[in-house]
Amino acid sequence: HAYAEYISGFMQGYMVGIPLKTTYPKKEIDEKLREINRTNDADEHNSDLVLDQSIYGRAYELLYRNKDDDIRFAVSDVMETFVIYDDTVELNPIAGVRYIYNRFKETTTVYFYTANKIIIYDMGSDFKLKESDRKDHSFKGIPIIEYENNKSRMGDFERVLSLIDLYDESQSDTAN
């Protein structure tokens, strides 16, 4: 709906209309950070993360190394990603999961990320997982990061959805 889109667009502009700056005191590390951010188009990336947070109440970032061994990051689809936390008060992440359904092949691939491994599963129509690959990753920690919009993980327009629905109904009545 246009009102929901307006709210999320406004929040996105407010939060990252002026791009975030990343700096580090040591010059060589600071230059490496700038290079990584340029390679990954960090300004656009951060804008996409903020938009996902505004719409869904959370956003996910996936860290990876490409075929040239460059550090890359990408937004991971909120509808296909989640993070598993431990049961301590700190709620430390213990794993990240991405599951991708291929509608053309009618298969689902599940990527399970731990602090040092990526385990890939194929999921059958019976929802049973069969491990298809296992490899190390070079990040020290879970390479999926969850960004919460707020403590409730609510989108920015969720609290006013009923008002948007009421507005839609009143508009359709006057149009008839």
C-alpha atoms as a PDB file:
ATOM      1  CA  HIS A   1       0.000   0.000   0.000  1.00  0.00           C
ATOM      2  CA  ALA A   2       1.195   3.532  -0.697  1.00  0.00           C
ATOM      3  CA  TYR A   3       1.044   4.580   2.985  1.00  0.00           C
ATOM      4  CA  ALA A   4       3.168   1.648   4.098  1.00  0.00           C
ATOM      5  CA  GLU A   5       5.605   2.358   1.273  1.00  0.00           C
ATOM      6  CA  TYR A   6       5.718   6.020   2.286  1.00  0.00           C
ATOM      7  CA  ILE A   7       6.499   5.155   5.925  1.00  0.00           C
ATOM      8  CA  SER A   8       9.300   2.745   4.993  1.00  0.00           C
ATOM      9  CA  GLY A   9      10.728   5.099   2.372  1.00  0.00           C
ATOM     10  CA  PHE A  10      10.712   7.949   4.893  1.00  0.00           C
ATOM     11  CA  MET A  11      12.507   5.829   7.508  1.00  0.00           C
ATOM     12  CA  GLN A  12      15.045   4.649   4.934  1.00  0.00           C
ATOM     13  CA  GLY A  13      15.811   8.242   3.936  1.00  0.00           C
ATOM     14  CA  TYR A  14      15.980   9.374   7.565  1.00  0.00           C
ATOM     15  CA  MET A  15      18.354   6.583   8.579  1.00  0.00           C
ATOM     16  CA  VAL A  16      20.729   6.446   5.594  1.00  0.00           C
ATOM     17  CA  GLY A  17      19.889   9.479   3.456  1.00  0.00           C
ATOM     18  CA  ILE A  18      23.354  10.624   4.395  1.00  0.00           C
ATOM     19  CA  PRO A  19      25.507   7.496   3.914  1.00  0.00           C
ATOM     20  CA  LEU A  20      27.137   5.899   6.930  1.00  0.00           C
ATOM     21  CA  LYS A  21      30.843   6.539   7.387  1.00  0.00           C
ATOM     22  CA  THR A  22      33.199   3.773   8.400  1.00  0.00           C
ATOM     23  CA  THR A  23      36.648   4.691   9.695  1.00  0.00           C
ATOM     24  CA  TYR A  24      39.452   3.056  11.605  1.00  0.00           C
ATOM     25  CA  PRO A  25      42.402   4.788  13.323  1.00  0.00           C
ATOM     26  CA  LYS A  26      45.090   2.704  11.567  1.00  0.00           C
ATOM     27  CA  LYS A  27      45.519   3.985   8.022  1.00  0.00           C
ATOM     28  CA  GLU A  28      46.103   0.596   6.334  1.00  0.00           C
ATOM     29  CA  ILE A  29      43.031  -0.957   7.957  1.00  0.00           C
ATOM     30  CA  ASP A  30      40.953   2.134   7.190  1.00  0.00           C
ATOM     31  CA  GLU A  31      41.929   1.916   3.495  1.00  0.00           C
ATOM     32  CA  LYS A  32      41.084  -1.801   3.423  1.00  0.00           C
ATOM     33  CA  LEU A  33      37.639  -1.023   4.903  1.00  0.00           C
ATOM     34  CA  ARG A  34      37.074   1.648   2.249  1.00  0.00           C
ATOM     35  CA  GLU A  35      38.068  -0.792  -0.484  1.00  0.00           C
ATOM     36  CA  ILE A  36      35.685  -3.466   0.842  1.00  0.00           C
ATOM     37  CA  ASN A  37      32.870  -0.913   1.068  1.00  0.00           C
ATOM     38  CA  ARG A  38      33.503   0.319  -2.500  1.00  0.00           C
ATOM     39  CA  THR A  39      33.604  -3.242  -3.858  1.00  0.00           C
ATOM     40  CA  ASN A  40      30.317  -4.079  -2.145  1.00  0.00           C
ATOM     41  CA  ASP A  41      28.575  -0.751  -2.816  1.00  0.00           C
ATOM     42  CA  ALA A  42      28.057  -0.385   0.934  1.00  0.00           C
ATOM     43  CA  ASP A  43      25.856   2.712   0.694  1.00  0.00           C
ATOM     44  CA  GLU A  44      23.257   0.921  -1.447  1.00  0.00           C
ATOM     45  CA  HIS A  45      23.655  -2.211   0.681  1.00  0.00           C
ATOM     46  CA  ASN A  46      22.993  -0.329   3.928  1.00  0.00           C
ATOM     47  CA  SER A  47      19.983   1.366   2.360  1.00  0.00           C
ATOM     48  CA  ASP A  48      18.559  -2.037   1.395  1.00  0.00           C
ATOM     49  CA  LEU A  49      19.145  -3.357   4.934  1.00  0.00           C
ATOM     50  CA  VAL A  50      17.332  -0.379   6.461  1.00  0.00           C
ATOM     51  CA  LEU A  51      14.411  -0.838   4.069  1.00  0.00           C
ATOM     52  CA  ASP A  52      14.111  -4.524   5.017  1.00  0.00           C
ATOM     53  CA  GLN A  53      14.221  -3.550   8.699  1.00  0.00           C
ATOM     54  CA  SER A  54      11.460  -1.015   8.167  1.00  0.00           C
ATOM     55  CA  ILE A  55       9.233  -3.431   6.239  1.00  0.00           C
ATOM     56  CA  TYR A  56       9.834  -6.724   8.055  1.00  0.00           C
ATOM     57  CA  GLY A  57      11.179  -5.598  11.438  1.00  0.00           C
ATOM     58  CA  ARG A  58      14.518  -7.273  10.758  1.00  0.00           C
ATOM     59  CA  ALA A  59      17.148  -7.586   8.061  1.00  0.00           C
ATOM     60  CA  TYR A  60      19.871 -10.117   7.352  1.00  0.00           C
ATOM     61  CA  GLU A  61      23.359  -9.638   5.991  1.00  0.00           C
ATOM     62  CA  LEU A  62      25.430 -12.503   4.634  1.00  0.00           C
ATOM     63  CA  LEU A  63      29.227 -12.292   4.658  1.00  0.00           C
ATOM     64  CA  TYR A  64      31.094 -14.433   2.158  1.00  0.00           C
ATOM     65  CA  ARG A  65      34.185 -14.685  -0.008  1.00  0.00           C
ATOM     66  CA  ASN A  66      33.707 -14.764  -3.763  1.00  0.00           C
ATOM     67  CA  LYS A  67      35.639 -16.905  -6.255  1.00  0.00           C
ATOM     68  CA  ASP A  68      38.446 -14.311  -6.284  1.00  0.00           C
ATOM     69  CA  ASP A  69      38.644 -14.556  -2.460  1.00  0.00           C
ATOM     70  CA  ASP A  70      37.341 -10.994  -2.024  1.00  0.00           C
ATOM     71  CA  ILE A  71      35.324 -10.207   1.094  1.00  0.00           C
ATOM     72  CA  ARG A  72      31.740  -9.623   0.035  1.00  0.00           C
ATOM     73  CA  PHE A  73      28.464  -8.955   1.796  1.00  0.00           C
ATOM     74  CA  ALA A  74      24.911  -9.164   0.570  1.00  0.00           C
ATOM     75  CA  VAL A  75      21.398  -8.693   1.858  1.00  0.00           C
ATOM     76  CA  SER A  76      19.806 -12.071   2.509  1.00  0.00           C
ATOM     77  CA  ASP A  77      16.068 -12.419   1.884  1.00  0.00           C
ATOM     78  CA  VAL A  78      14.149 -12.018   5.147  1.00  0.00           C
ATOM     79  CA  MET A  79      11.641 -14.656   4.053  1.00  0.00           C
ATOM     80  CA  GLU A  80      14.432 -17.223   3.535  1.00  0.00           C
ATOM     81  CA  THR A  81      16.787 -16.482   6.441  1.00  0.00           C
ATOM     82  CA  PHE A  82      16.872 -16.759  10.213  1.00  0.00           C
ATOM     83  CA  VAL A  83      19.401 -16.839  13.048  1.00  0.00           C
ATOM     84  CA  ILE A  84      19.394 -19.346  15.911  1.00  0.00           C
ATOM     85  CA  TYR A  85      20.337 -17.963  19.334  1.00  0.00           C
ATOM     86  CA  ASP A  86      21.374 -19.766  22.505  1.00  0.00           C
ATOM     87  CA  ASP A  87      19.172 -19.734  25.590  1.00  0.00           C
ATOM     88  CA  THR A  88      21.366 -17.435  27.687  1.00  0.00           C
ATOM     89  CA  VAL A  89      20.397 -13.898  28.628  1.00  0.00           C
ATOM     90  CA  GLU A  90      22.995 -12.664  26.119  1.00  0.00           C
ATOM     91  CA  LEU A  91      21.177 -14.444  23.267  1.00  0.00           C
ATOM     92  CA  ASN A  92      24.409 -15.291  21.471  1.00  0.00           C
ATOM     93  CA  PRO A  93      23.978 -16.410  17.858  1.00  0.00           C
ATOM     94  CA  ILE A  94      24.931 -20.070  17.408  1.00  0.00           C
ATOM     95  CA  ALA A  95      23.916 -20.615  13.771  1.00  0.00           C
ATOM     96  CA  GLY A  96      22.400 -18.941  10.762  1.00  0.00           C
ATOM     97  CA  VAL A  97      20.139 -20.578   8.187  1.00  0.00           C
ATOM     98  CA  ARG A  98      19.238 -19.711   4.599  1.00  0.00           C
ATOM     99  CA  TYR A  99      16.848 -21.905   2.654  1.00  0.00           C
ATOM    100  CA  ILE A 100      16.262 -21.396  -1.027  1.00  0.00           C
ATOM    101  CA  TYR A 101      13.382 -22.991  -2.899  1.00  0.00           C
ATOM    102  CA  ASN A 102      14.009 -23.530  -6.620  1.00  0.00           C
ATOM    103  CA  ARG A 103      10.535 -23.552  -8.126  1.00  0.00           C
ATOM    104  CA  PHE A 104      11.797 -24.771 -11.510  1.00  0.00           C
ATOM    105  CA  LYS A 105      13.446 -27.873 -10.067  1.00  0.00           C
ATOM    106  CA  GLU A 106      11.038 -28.042  -7.111  1.00  0.00           C
ATOM    107  CA  THR A 107      13.969 -28.457  -4.720  1.00  0.00           C
ATOM    108  CA  THR A 108      14.999 -26.673  -1.557  1.00  0.00           C
ATOM    109  CA  THR A 109      18.622 -26.095  -0.570  1.00  0.00           C
ATOM    110  CA  VAL A 110      19.371 -25.289   3.067  1.00  0.00           C
ATOM    111  CA  TYR A 111      22.580 -23.487   4.033  1.00  0.00           C
ATOM    112  CA  PHE A 112      23.478 -23.919   7.700  1.00  0.00           C
ATOM    113  CA  TYR A 113      26.185 -21.533   8.935  1.00  0.00           C
ATOM    114  CA  THR A 114      28.104 -22.151  12.146  1.00  0.00           C
ATOM    115  CA  ALA A 115      31.029 -20.190  13.597  1.00  0.00           C
ATOM    116  CA  ASN A 116      33.459 -21.946  11.232  1.00  0.00           C
ATOM    117  CA  LYS A 117      31.491 -24.130   8.761  1.00  0.00           C
ATOM    118  CA  ILE A 118      28.889 -23.961   6.030  1.00  0.00           C
ATOM    119  CA  ILE A 119      26.864 -27.150   5.817  1.00  0.00           C
ATOM    120  CA  ILE A 120      24.638 -27.510   2.766  1.00  0.00           C
ATOM    121  CA  TYR A 121      21.583 -29.753   2.779  1.00  0.00           C
ATOM    122  CA  ASP A 122      19.115 -30.795   0.135  1.00  0.00           C
ATOM    123  CA  MET A 123      15.589 -30.981   1.477  1.00  0.00           C
ATOM    124  CA  GLY A 124      13.234 -33.496  -0.083  1.00  0.00           C
ATOM    125  CA  SER A 125       9.482 -33.248  -0.431  1.00  0.00           C
ATOM    126  CA  ASP A 126       9.275 -35.211   2.834  1.00  0.00           C
ATOM    127  CA  PHE A 127      11.154 -32.301   4.520  1.00  0.00           C
ATOM    128  CA  LYS A 128      14.076 -34.546   5.450  1.00  0.00           C
ATOM    129  CA  LEU A 129      17.525 -33.018   5.111  1.00  0.00           C
ATOM    130  CA  LYS A 130      20.355 -34.780   3.329  1.00  0.00           C
ATOM    131  CA  GLU A 131      23.815 -33.276   3.664  1.00  0.00           C
ATOM    132  CA  SER A 132      25.286 -32.513   0.243  1.00  0.00           C
ATOM    133  CA  ASP A 133      28.380 -30.459   1.119  1.00  0.00           C
ATOM    134  CA  ARG A 134      30.404 -29.163   4.045  1.00  0.00           C
ATOM    135  CA  LYS A 135      33.123 -26.550   3.933  1.00  0.00           C
ATOM    136  CA  ASP A 136      35.010 -24.152   6.164  1.00  0.00           C
ATOM    137  CA  HIS A 137      34.524 -20.408   6.011  1.00  0.00           C
ATOM    138  CA  SER A 138      37.095 -17.806   6.982  1.00  0.00           C
ATOM    139  CA  PHE A 139      34.958 -15.626   9.243  1.00  0.00           C
ATOM    140  CA  LYS A 140      35.336 -15.853  12.988  1.00  0.00           C
ATOM    141  CA  GLY A 141      31.688 -16.194  13.880  1.00  0.00           C
ATOM    142  CA  ILE A 142      28.329 -16.728  12.219  1.00  0.00           C
ATOM    143  CA  PRO A 143      28.489 -15.051   8.780  1.00  0.00           C
ATOM    144  CA  ILE A 144      24.805 -14.110   8.905  1.00  0.00           C
ATOM    145  CA  ILE A 145      24.061 -10.967  10.876  1.00  0.00           C
ATOM    146  CA  GLU A 146      20.537 -10.099  11.980  1.00  0.00           C
ATOM    147  CA  TYR A 147      19.615  -6.433  12.364  1.00  0.00           C
ATOM    148  CA  GLU A 148      16.488  -5.854  14.429  1.00  0.00           C
ATOM    149  CA  ASN A 149      14.344  -2.814  13.739  1.00  0.00           C
ATOM    150  CA  ASN A 150      13.340  -2.735  17.408  1.00  0.00           C
ATOM    151  CA  LYS A 151      13.042  -5.101  20.375  1.00  0.00           C
ATOM    152  CA  SER A 152       9.774  -6.499  19.031  1.00  0.00           C
ATOM    153  CA  ARG A 153      11.166  -6.974  15.501  1.00  0.00           C
ATOM    154  CA  MET A 154       8.214  -5.035  14.169  1.00  0.00           C
ATOM    155  CA  GLY A 155       8.154  -3.166  10.896  1.00  0.00           C
ATOM    156  CA  ASP A 156       7.621   0.580  11.014  1.00  0.00           C
ATOM    157  CA  PHE A 157       4.052   0.441   9.739  1.00  0.00           C
ATOM    158  CA  GLU A 158       2.837  -2.716  11.510  1.00  0.00           C
ATOM    159  CA  ARG A 159       1.177  -0.762  14.318  1.00  0.00           C
ATOM    160  CA  VAL A 160      -0.948   1.201  11.833  1.00  0.00           C
ATOM    161  CA  LEU A 161      -1.912  -1.636   9.462  1.00  0.00           C
ATOM    162  CA  SER A 162      -5.504  -1.583  10.706  1.00  0.00           C
ATOM    163  CA  LEU A 163      -5.716   2.139   9.900  1.00  0.00           C
ATOM    164  CA  ILE A 164      -4.376   1.524   6.406  1.00  0.00           C
ATOM    165  CA  ASP A 165      -6.966  -1.245   5.924  1.00  0.00           C
ATOM    166  CA  LEU A 166      -9.738   1.062   7.181  1.00  0.00           C
ATOM    167  CA  TYR A 167      -8.613   3.748   4.780  1.00  0.00           C
ATOM    168  CA  ASP A 168      -8.677   1.295   1.852  1.00  0.00           C
ATOM    169  CA  GLU A 169     -12.235   0.211   2.701  1.00  0.00           C
ATOM    170  CA  SER A 170     -13.472   3.785   3.017  1.00  0.00           C
ATOM    171  CA  GLN A 171     -11.920   4.689  -0.344  1.00  0.00           C
ATOM    172  CA  SER A 172     -13.538   1.732  -2.081  1.00  0.00           C
ATOM    173  CA  ASP A 173     -16.958   2.727  -0.644  1.00  0.00           C
ATOM    174  CA  THR A 174     -16.758   6.258  -1.997  1.00  0.00           C
ATOM    175  CA  ALA A 175     -15.623   5.028  -5.398  1.00  0.00           C
ATOM    176  CA  ASN A 176     -18.852   3.002  -5.860  1.00  0.00           C
END
